[in-house]
Amino acid sequence: MDIVEELLKKAKKELEKIKIQTLGIHGSMTSSGQRMTIQEKSEEEVKNSKSGLSKNTSELKSAIKGKFSDKLTETFEDQKQMLDNI
C-alpha cells in the first residue's frame, strides 16, 4: 500500500508541475498577444497624429502669413519628426 500511495503522490506532483508549466506558457502567449495589440494601436495613433499635423500645417500656412506662420510650420514639422522616431 505504501508503494501505491507513494506512486500516487509522485503522479500528482508531476501533474501539478505540468499544470504550472501550462499556465506559464498560456500567460506568456497572452502577454505576447496583448503586446502586439498595443503596438499595432500605437502605430495607428502615430499615423493618425502625423496625418492631422500635416493637414493642420497646410491649412495654417494658407490662413496665416508671416513669421508666426513660419514658426508654427516649423513646430509642426518638429512634431512630425518626433512621431517618426517613435
PDB file of N, CA and C in Angstrom:
ATOM      1  N   MET A   1       0.810  -1.182   0.000  1.00  0.00           N
ATOM      2  CA  MET A   1       0.000   0.000   0.000  1.00  0.00           C
ATOM      3  C   MET A   1       0.864   1.261   0.000  1.00  0.00           C
ATOM      4  N   ASP A   2       1.946   1.239   0.725  1.00  0.00           N
ATOM      5  CA  ASP A   2       2.815   2.409   0.795  1.00  0.00           C
ATOM      6  C   ASP A   2       3.408   2.753  -0.569  1.00  0.00           C
ATOM      7  N   ILE A   3       3.738   1.726  -1.344  1.00  0.00           N
ATOM      8  CA  ILE A   3       4.314   1.951  -2.665  1.00  0.00           C
ATOM      9  C   ILE A   3       3.269   2.595  -3.584  1.00  0.00           C
ATOM     10  N   VAL A   4       2.049   2.138  -3.512  1.00  0.00           N
ATOM     11  CA  VAL A   4       0.970   2.687  -4.335  1.00  0.00           C
ATOM     12  C   VAL A   4       0.719   4.149  -3.954  1.00  0.00           C
ATOM     13  N   GLU A   5       0.661   4.417  -2.659  1.00  0.00           N
ATOM     14  CA  GLU A   5       0.442   5.793  -2.198  1.00  0.00           C
ATOM     15  C   GLU A   5       1.596   6.693  -2.624  1.00  0.00           C
ATOM     16  N   GLU A   6       2.789   6.195  -2.557  1.00  0.00           N
ATOM     17  CA  GLU A   6       3.959   6.974  -2.958  1.00  0.00           C
ATOM     18  C   GLU A   6       3.917   7.258  -4.458  1.00  0.00           C
ATOM     19  N   LEU A   7       3.543   6.273  -5.250  1.00  0.00           N
ATOM     20  CA  LEU A   7       3.418   6.468  -6.700  1.00  0.00           C
ATOM     21  C   LEU A   7       2.308   7.474  -7.030  1.00  0.00           C
ATOM     22  N   LEU A   8       1.205   7.418  -6.294  1.00  0.00           N
ATOM     23  CA  LEU A   8       0.128   8.393  -6.498  1.00  0.00           C
ATOM     24  C   LEU A   8       0.589   9.808  -6.164  1.00  0.00           C
ATOM     25  N   LYS A   9       1.349   9.954  -5.094  1.00  0.00           N
ATOM     26  CA  LYS A   9       1.869  11.270  -4.705  1.00  0.00           C
ATOM     27  C   LYS A   9       2.794  11.811  -5.795  1.00  0.00           C
ATOM     28  N   LYS A  10       3.667  10.944  -6.324  1.00  0.00           N
ATOM     29  CA  LYS A  10       4.586  11.372  -7.381  1.00  0.00           C
ATOM     30  C   LYS A  10       3.818  11.773  -8.635  1.00  0.00           C
ATOM     31  N   ALA A  11       2.787  10.983  -8.968  1.00  0.00           N
ATOM     32  CA  ALA A  11       1.985  11.290 -10.150  1.00  0.00           C
ATOM     33  C   ALA A  11       1.263  12.629  -9.976  1.00  0.00           C
ATOM     34  N   LYS A  12       0.694  12.853  -8.791  1.00  0.00           N
ATOM     35  CA  LYS A  12       0.017  14.122  -8.519  1.00  0.00           C
ATOM     36  C   LYS A  12       0.997  15.291  -8.597  1.00  0.00           C
ATOM     37  N   LYS A  13       2.193  15.080  -8.083  1.00  0.00           N
ATOM     38  CA  LYS A  13       3.210  16.125  -8.096  1.00  0.00           C
ATOM     39  C   LYS A  13       3.597  16.458  -9.547  1.00  0.00           C
ATOM     40  N   GLU A  14       3.766  15.443 -10.369  1.00  0.00           N
ATOM     41  CA  GLU A  14       4.100  15.657 -11.780  1.00  0.00           C
ATOM     42  C   GLU A  14       2.962  16.370 -12.511  1.00  0.00           C
ATOM     43  N   LEU A  15       1.731  16.002 -12.203  1.00  0.00           N
ATOM     44  CA  LEU A  15       0.583  16.676 -12.806  1.00  0.00           C
ATOM     45  C   LEU A  15       0.534  18.146 -12.416  1.00  0.00           C
ATOM     46  N   GLU A  16       0.837  18.438 -11.181  1.00  0.00           N
ATOM     47  CA  GLU A  16       0.869  19.836 -10.721  1.00  0.00           C
ATOM     48  C   GLU A  16       1.954  20.612 -11.464  1.00  0.00           C
ATOM     49  N   LYS A  17       3.113  19.991 -11.665  1.00  0.00           N
ATOM     50  CA  LYS A  17       4.193  20.643 -12.408  1.00  0.00           C
ATOM     51  C   LYS A  17       3.745  20.954 -13.836  1.00  0.00           C
ATOM     52  N   ILE A  18       3.090  19.984 -14.466  1.00  0.00           N
ATOM     53  CA  ILE A  18       2.617  20.180 -15.842  1.00  0.00           C
ATOM     54  C   ILE A  18       1.572  21.293 -15.888  1.00  0.00           C
ATOM     55  N   LYS A  19       0.665  21.330 -14.916  1.00  0.00           N
ATOM     56  CA  LYS A  19      -0.351  22.396 -14.860  1.00  0.00           C
ATOM     57  C   LYS A  19       0.316  23.770 -14.749  1.00  0.00           C
ATOM     58  N   ILE A  20       1.310  23.857 -13.873  1.00  0.00           N
ATOM     59  CA  ILE A  20       2.001  25.129 -13.670  1.00  0.00           C
ATOM     60  C   ILE A  20       2.723  25.551 -14.948  1.00  0.00           C
ATOM     61  N   GLN A  21       3.391  24.614 -15.605  1.00  0.00           N
ATOM     62  CA  GLN A  21       4.084  24.929 -16.854  1.00  0.00           C
ATOM     63  C   GLN A  21       3.095  25.376 -17.927  1.00  0.00           C
ATOM     64  N   THR A  22       1.964  24.714 -17.997  1.00  0.00           N
ATOM     65  CA  THR A  22       0.941  25.062 -18.978  1.00  0.00           C
ATOM     66  C   THR A  22       0.407  26.469 -18.715  1.00  0.00           C
ATOM     67  N   LEU A  23       0.162  26.776 -17.460  1.00  0.00           N
ATOM     68  CA  LEU A  23      -0.310  28.121 -17.120  1.00  0.00           C
ATOM     69  C   LEU A  23       0.738  29.173 -17.478  1.00  0.00           C
ATOM     70  N   GLY A  24       1.997  28.858 -17.235  1.00  0.00           N
ATOM     71  CA  GLY A  24       3.069  29.793 -17.579  1.00  0.00           C
ATOM     72  C   GLY A  24       3.147  30.045 -19.072  1.00  0.00           C
ATOM     73  N   ILE A  25       3.039  28.981 -19.857  1.00  0.00           N
ATOM     74  CA  ILE A  25       3.082  29.120 -21.312  1.00  0.00           C
ATOM     75  C   ILE A  25       1.877  29.923 -21.796  1.00  0.00           C
ATOM     76  N   HIS A  26       0.711  29.624 -21.257  1.00  0.00           N
ATOM     77  CA  HIS A  26      -0.512  30.339 -21.645  1.00  0.00           C
ATOM     78  C   HIS A  26      -0.386  31.829 -21.303  1.00  0.00           C
ATOM     79  N   GLY A  27       0.121  32.109 -20.094  1.00  0.00           N
ATOM     80  CA  GLY A  27       0.292  33.503 -19.684  1.00  0.00           C
ATOM     81  C   GLY A  27       1.273  34.232 -20.571  1.00  0.00           C
ATOM     82  N   SER A  28       2.321  33.550 -20.960  1.00  0.00           N
ATOM     83  CA  SER A  28       3.327  34.151 -21.835  1.00  0.00           C
ATOM     84  C   SER A  28       2.739  34.463 -23.206  1.00  0.00           C
ATOM     85  N   MET A  29       1.956  33.548 -23.730  1.00  0.00           N
ATOM     86  CA  MET A  29       1.337  33.766 -25.034  1.00  0.00           C
ATOM     87  C   MET A  29       0.314  34.896 -24.987  1.00  0.00           C
ATOM     88  N   THR A  30      -0.455  34.961 -23.916  1.00  0.00           N
ATOM     89  CA  THR A  30      -1.439  36.032 -23.753  1.00  0.00           C
ATOM     90  C   THR A  30      -0.738  37.381 -23.675  1.00  0.00           C
ATOM     91  N   SER A  31       0.328  37.434 -22.927  1.00  0.00           N
ATOM     92  CA  SER A  31       1.093  38.669 -22.778  1.00  0.00           C
ATOM     93  C   SER A  31       1.663  39.119 -24.120  1.00  0.00           C
ATOM     94  N   SER A  32       2.173  38.174 -24.875  1.00  0.00           N
ATOM     95  CA  SER A  32       2.724  38.489 -26.191  1.00  0.00           C
ATOM     96  C   SER A  32       1.644  39.032 -27.122  1.00  0.00           C
ATOM     97  N   GLY A  33       0.467  38.428 -27.085  1.00  0.00           N
ATOM     98  CA  GLY A  33      -0.644  38.893 -27.909  1.00  0.00           C
ATOM     99  C   GLY A  33      -1.084  40.298 -27.531  1.00  0.00           C
ATOM    100  N   GLN A  34      -1.133  40.567 -26.241  1.00  0.00           N
ATOM    101  CA  GLN A  34      -1.515  41.902 -25.778  1.00  0.00           C
ATOM    102  C   GLN A  34      -0.469  42.929 -26.197  1.00  0.00           C
ATOM    103  N   ARG A  35       0.783  42.545 -26.132  1.00  0.00           N
ATOM    104  CA  ARG A  35       1.867  43.447 -26.520  1.00  0.00           C
ATOM    105  C   ARG A  35       1.747  43.808 -27.998  1.00  0.00           C
ATOM    106  N   MET A  36       1.428  42.820 -28.834  1.00  0.00           N
ATOM    107  CA  MET A  36       1.274  43.071 -30.265  1.00  0.00           C
ATOM    108  C   MET A  36       0.084  43.995 -30.526  1.00  0.00           C
ATOM    109  N   THR A  37      -1.014  43.788 -29.812  1.00  0.00           N
ATOM    110  CA  THR A  37      -2.199  44.628 -29.974  1.00  0.00           C
ATOM    111  C   THR A  37      -1.886  46.071 -29.598  1.00  0.00           C
ATOM    112  N   ILE A  38      -1.189  46.257 -28.510  1.00  0.00           N
ATOM    113  CA  ILE A  38      -0.822  47.604 -28.068  1.00  0.00           C
ATOM    114  C   ILE A  38       0.098  48.265 -29.085  1.00  0.00           C
ATOM    115  N   GLN A  39       1.052  47.512 -29.612  1.00  0.00           N
ATOM    116  CA  GLN A  39       1.977  48.064 -30.600  1.00  0.00           C
ATOM    117  C   GLN A  39       1.234  48.481 -31.868  1.00  0.00           C
ATOM    118  N   GLU A  40       0.294  47.645 -32.316  1.00  0.00           N
ATOM    119  CA  GLU A  40      -0.485  47.988 -33.509  1.00  0.00           C
ATOM    120  C   GLU A  40      -1.322  49.239 -33.284  1.00  0.00           C
ATOM    121  N   LYS A  41      -1.943  49.342 -32.120  1.00  0.00           N
ATOM    122  CA  LYS A  41      -2.749  50.527 -31.811  1.00  0.00           C
ATOM    123  C   LYS A  41      -1.870  51.770 -31.736  1.00  0.00           C
ATOM    124  N   SER A  42      -0.691  51.632 -31.160  1.00  0.00           N
ATOM    125  CA  SER A  42       0.229  52.764 -31.060  1.00  0.00           C
ATOM    126  C   SER A  42       0.659  53.242 -32.440  1.00  0.00           C
ATOM    127  N   GLU A  43       0.970  52.305 -33.320  1.00  0.00           N
ATOM    128  CA  GLU A  43       1.369  52.674 -34.680  1.00  0.00           C
ATOM    129  C   GLU A  43       0.239  53.387 -35.405  1.00  0.00           C
ATOM    130  N   GLU A  44      -0.980  52.936 -35.195  1.00  0.00           N
ATOM    131  CA  GLU A  44      -2.142  53.574 -35.822  1.00  0.00           C
ATOM    132  C   GLU A  44      -2.329  54.997 -35.292  1.00  0.00           C
ATOM    133  N   GLU A  45      -2.141  55.187 -33.985  1.00  0.00           N
ATOM    134  CA  GLU A  45      -2.279  56.522 -33.398  1.00  0.00           C
ATOM    135  C   GLU A  45      -1.193  57.472 -33.918  1.00  0.00           C
ATOM    136  N   VAL A  46       0.014  56.970 -34.062  1.00  0.00           N
ATOM    137  CA  VAL A  46       1.100  57.796 -34.611  1.00  0.00           C
ATOM    138  C   VAL A  46       0.765  58.206 -36.037  1.00  0.00           C
ATOM    139  N   LYS A  47       0.275  57.265 -36.807  1.00  0.00           N
ATOM    140  CA  LYS A  47      -0.106  57.545 -38.197  1.00  0.00           C
ATOM    141  C   LYS A  47      -1.200  58.611 -38.247  1.00  0.00           C
ATOM    142  N   ASN A  48      -2.221  58.468 -37.401  1.00  0.00           N
ATOM    143  CA  ASN A  48      -3.308  59.459 -37.358  1.00  0.00           C
ATOM    144  C   ASN A  48      -2.806  60.829 -36.922  1.00  0.00           C
ATOM    145  N   SER A  49      -1.911  60.857 -35.957  1.00  0.00           N
ATOM    146  CA  SER A  49      -1.360  62.133 -35.469  1.00  0.00           C
ATOM    147  C   SER A  49      -0.557  62.832 -36.562  1.00  0.00           C
ATOM    148  N   LYS A  50       0.261  62.064 -37.270  1.00  0.00           N
ATOM    149  CA  LYS A  50       1.049  62.647 -38.352  1.00  0.00           C
ATOM    150  C   LYS A  50       0.149  63.199 -39.444  1.00  0.00           C
ATOM    151  N   SER A  51      -0.910  62.471 -39.753  1.00  0.00           N
ATOM    152  CA  SER A  51      -1.851  62.927 -40.772  1.00  0.00           C
ATOM    153  C   SER A  51      -2.521  64.231 -40.340  1.00  0.00           C
ATOM    154  N   GLY A  52      -2.926  64.297 -39.086  1.00  0.00           N
ATOM    155  CA  GLY A  52      -3.540  65.516 -38.561  1.00  0.00           C
ATOM    156  C   GLY A  52      -2.587  66.693 -38.566  1.00  0.00           C
ATOM    157  N   LEU A  53      -1.335  66.439 -38.208  1.00  0.00           N
ATOM    158  CA  LEU A  53      -0.341  67.519 -38.223  1.00  0.00           C
ATOM    159  C   LEU A  53      -0.115  68.037 -39.642  1.00  0.00           C
ATOM    160  N   SER A  54      -0.040  67.128 -40.599  1.00  0.00           N
ATOM    161  CA  SER A  54       0.162  67.551 -41.995  1.00  0.00           C
ATOM    162  C   SER A  54      -1.010  68.405 -42.476  1.00  0.00           C
ATOM    163  N   LYS A  55      -2.211  67.969 -42.161  1.00  0.00           N
ATOM    164  CA  LYS A  55      -3.404  68.713 -42.573  1.00  0.00           C
ATOM    165  C   LYS A  55      -3.427  70.093 -41.912  1.00  0.00           C
ATOM    166  N   ASN A  56      -3.165  70.143 -40.619  1.00  0.00           N
ATOM    167  CA  ASN A  56      -3.172  71.423 -39.907  1.00  0.00           C
ATOM    168  C   ASN A  56      -2.080  72.349 -40.426  1.00  0.00           C
ATOM    169  N   THR A  57      -0.932  71.798 -40.739  1.00  0.00           N
ATOM    170  CA  THR A  57       0.167  72.618 -41.248  1.00  0.00           C
ATOM    171  C   THR A  57      -0.233  73.291 -42.556  1.00  0.00           C
ATOM    172  N   SER A  58      -0.777  72.526 -43.478  1.00  0.00           N
ATOM    173  CA  SER A  58      -1.152  73.111 -44.773  1.00  0.00           C
ATOM    174  C   SER A  58      -2.279  74.127 -44.633  1.00  0.00           C
ATOM    175  N   GLU A  59      -3.248  73.853 -43.772  1.00  0.00           N
ATOM    176  CA  GLU A  59      -4.360  74.792 -43.572  1.00  0.00           C
ATOM    177  C   GLU A  59      -3.881  76.086 -42.918  1.00  0.00           C
ATOM    178  N   LEU A  60      -2.990  75.956 -41.941  1.00  0.00           N
ATOM    179  CA  LEU A  60      -2.481  77.164 -41.277  1.00  0.00           C
ATOM    180  C   LEU A  60      -1.598  77.990 -42.199  1.00  0.00           C
ATOM    181  N   LYS A  61      -0.835  77.333 -43.059  1.00  0.00           N
ATOM    182  CA  LYS A  61       0.012  78.070 -44.000  1.00  0.00           C
ATOM    183  C   LYS A  61      -0.834  78.966 -44.893  1.00  0.00           C
ATOM    184  N   SER A  62      -1.972  78.456 -45.311  1.00  0.00           N
ATOM    185  CA  SER A  62      -2.819  79.268 -46.192  1.00  0.00           C
ATOM    186  C   SER A  62      -3.588  80.338 -45.420  1.00  0.00           C
ATOM    187  N   ALA A  63      -3.870  80.104 -44.144  1.00  0.00           N
ATOM    188  CA  ALA A  63      -4.668  81.056 -43.364  1.00  0.00           C
ATOM    189  C   ALA A  63      -3.804  82.112 -42.671  1.00  0.00           C
ATOM    190  N   ILE A  64      -2.604  81.751 -42.272  1.00  0.00           N
ATOM    191  CA  ILE A  64      -1.751  82.668 -41.502  1.00  0.00           C
ATOM    192  C   ILE A  64      -0.487  82.937 -42.308  1.00  0.00           C
ATOM    193  N   LYS A  65      -0.070  84.173 -42.323  1.00  0.00           N
ATOM    194  CA  LYS A  65       1.137  84.563 -43.063  1.00  0.00           C
ATOM    195  C   LYS A  65       2.163  85.156 -42.094  1.00  0.00           C
ATOM    196  N   GLY A  66       3.376  85.249 -42.553  1.00  0.00           N
ATOM    197  CA  GLY A  66       4.421  85.918 -41.784  1.00  0.00           C
ATOM    198  C   GLY A  66       5.235  84.966 -40.923  1.00  0.00           C
ATOM    199  N   LYS A  67       5.982  85.585 -39.971  1.00  0.00           N
ATOM    200  CA  LYS A  67       6.894  84.829 -39.116  1.00  0.00           C
ATOM    201  C   LYS A  67       6.154  83.852 -38.210  1.00  0.00           C
ATOM    202  N   PHE A  68       4.963  84.248 -37.770  1.00  0.00           N
ATOM    203  CA  PHE A  68       4.182  83.355 -36.905  1.00  0.00           C
ATOM    204  C   PHE A  68       3.844  82.066 -37.647  1.00  0.00           C
ATOM    205  N   SER A  69       3.465  82.200 -38.901  1.00  0.00           N
ATOM    206  CA  SER A  69       3.161  81.034 -39.732  1.00  0.00           C
ATOM    207  C   SER A  69       4.398  80.152 -39.893  1.00  0.00           C
ATOM    208  N   ASP A  70       5.525  80.794 -40.120  1.00  0.00           N
ATOM    209  CA  ASP A  70       6.774  80.036 -40.271  1.00  0.00           C
ATOM    210  C   ASP A  70       7.110  79.273 -38.997  1.00  0.00           C
ATOM    211  N   LYS A  71       6.926  79.926 -37.857  1.00  0.00           N
ATOM    212  CA  LYS A  71       7.218  79.282 -36.572  1.00  0.00           C
ATOM    213  C   LYS A  71       6.265  78.110 -36.315  1.00  0.00           C
ATOM    214  N   LEU A  72       4.976  78.280 -36.612  1.00  0.00           N
ATOM    215  CA  LEU A  72       4.022  77.189 -36.450  1.00  0.00           C
ATOM    216  C   LEU A  72       4.374  76.014 -37.361  1.00  0.00           C
ATOM    217  N   THR A  73       4.711  76.323 -38.594  1.00  0.00           N
ATOM    218  CA  THR A  73       5.085  75.273 -39.539  1.00  0.00           C
ATOM    219  C   THR A  73       6.308  74.518 -39.032  1.00  0.00           C
ATOM    220  N   GLU A  74       7.276  75.250 -38.542  1.00  0.00           N
ATOM    221  CA  GLU A  74       8.495  74.629 -38.006  1.00  0.00           C
ATOM    222  C   GLU A  74       8.165  73.737 -36.806  1.00  0.00           C
ATOM    223  N   THR A  75       7.293  74.218 -35.937  1.00  0.00           N
ATOM    224  CA  THR A  75       6.893  73.435 -34.762  1.00  0.00           C
ATOM    225  C   THR A  75       6.181  72.153 -35.173  1.00  0.00           C
ATOM    226  N   PHE A  76       5.267  72.272 -36.140  1.00  0.00           N
ATOM    227  CA  PHE A  76       4.561  71.077 -36.609  1.00  0.00           C
ATOM    228  C   PHE A  76       5.517  70.089 -37.270  1.00  0.00           C
ATOM    229  N   GLU A  77       6.466  70.589 -38.020  1.00  0.00           N
ATOM    230  CA  GLU A  77       7.455  69.704 -38.656  1.00  0.00           C
ATOM    231  C   GLU A  77       8.294  68.983 -37.603  1.00  0.00           C
ATOM    232  N   ASP A  78       8.652  69.703 -36.540  1.00  0.00           N
ATOM    233  CA  ASP A  78       9.392  69.067 -35.441  1.00  0.00           C
ATOM    234  C   ASP A  78       8.561  67.959 -34.792  1.00  0.00           C
ATOM    235  N   GLN A  79       7.263  68.225 -34.639  1.00  0.00           N
ATOM    236  CA  GLN A  79       6.374  67.223 -34.049  1.00  0.00           C
ATOM    237  C   GLN A  79       6.273  65.982 -34.935  1.00  0.00           C
ATOM    238  N   LYS A  80       6.186  66.196 -36.263  1.00  0.00           N
ATOM    239  CA  LYS A  80       6.125  65.055 -37.173  1.00  0.00           C
ATOM    240  C   LYS A  80       7.409  64.229 -37.114  1.00  0.00           C
ATOM    241  N   GLN A  81       8.558  64.904 -37.022  1.00  0.00           N
ATOM    242  CA  GLN A  81       9.822  64.181 -36.930  1.00  0.00           C
ATOM    243  C   GLN A  81       9.897  63.391 -35.616  1.00  0.00           C
ATOM    244  N   MET A  82       9.391  63.975 -34.552  1.00  0.00           N
ATOM    245  CA  MET A  82       9.377  63.286 -33.279  1.00  0.00           C
ATOM    246  C   MET A  82       8.505  62.032 -33.370  1.00  0.00           C
ATOM    247  N   LEU A  83       7.369  62.134 -34.043  1.00  0.00           N
ATOM    248  CA  LEU A  83       6.500  60.972 -34.221  1.00  0.00           C
ATOM    249  C   LEU A  83       7.164  59.908 -35.090  1.00  0.00           C
ATOM    250  N   ASP A  84       7.979  60.335 -36.053  1.00  0.00           N
ATOM    251  CA  ASP A  84       8.709  59.372 -36.877  1.00  0.00           C
ATOM    252  C   ASP A  84       9.687  58.550 -36.060  1.00  0.00           C
ATOM    253  N   ASN A  85      10.213  59.160 -35.012  1.00  0.00           N
ATOM    254  CA  ASN A  85      11.218  58.486 -34.171  1.00  0.00           C
ATOM    255  C   ASN A  85      10.628  57.560 -33.132  1.00  0.00           C
ATOM    256  N   ILE A  86       9.311  57.550 -33.014  1.00  0.00           N
ATOM    257  CA  ILE A  86       8.673  56.683 -32.007  1.00  0.00           C
ATOM    258  C   ILE A  86       8.664  55.251 -32.506  1.00  0.00           C
TER     259      ILE A  86
END
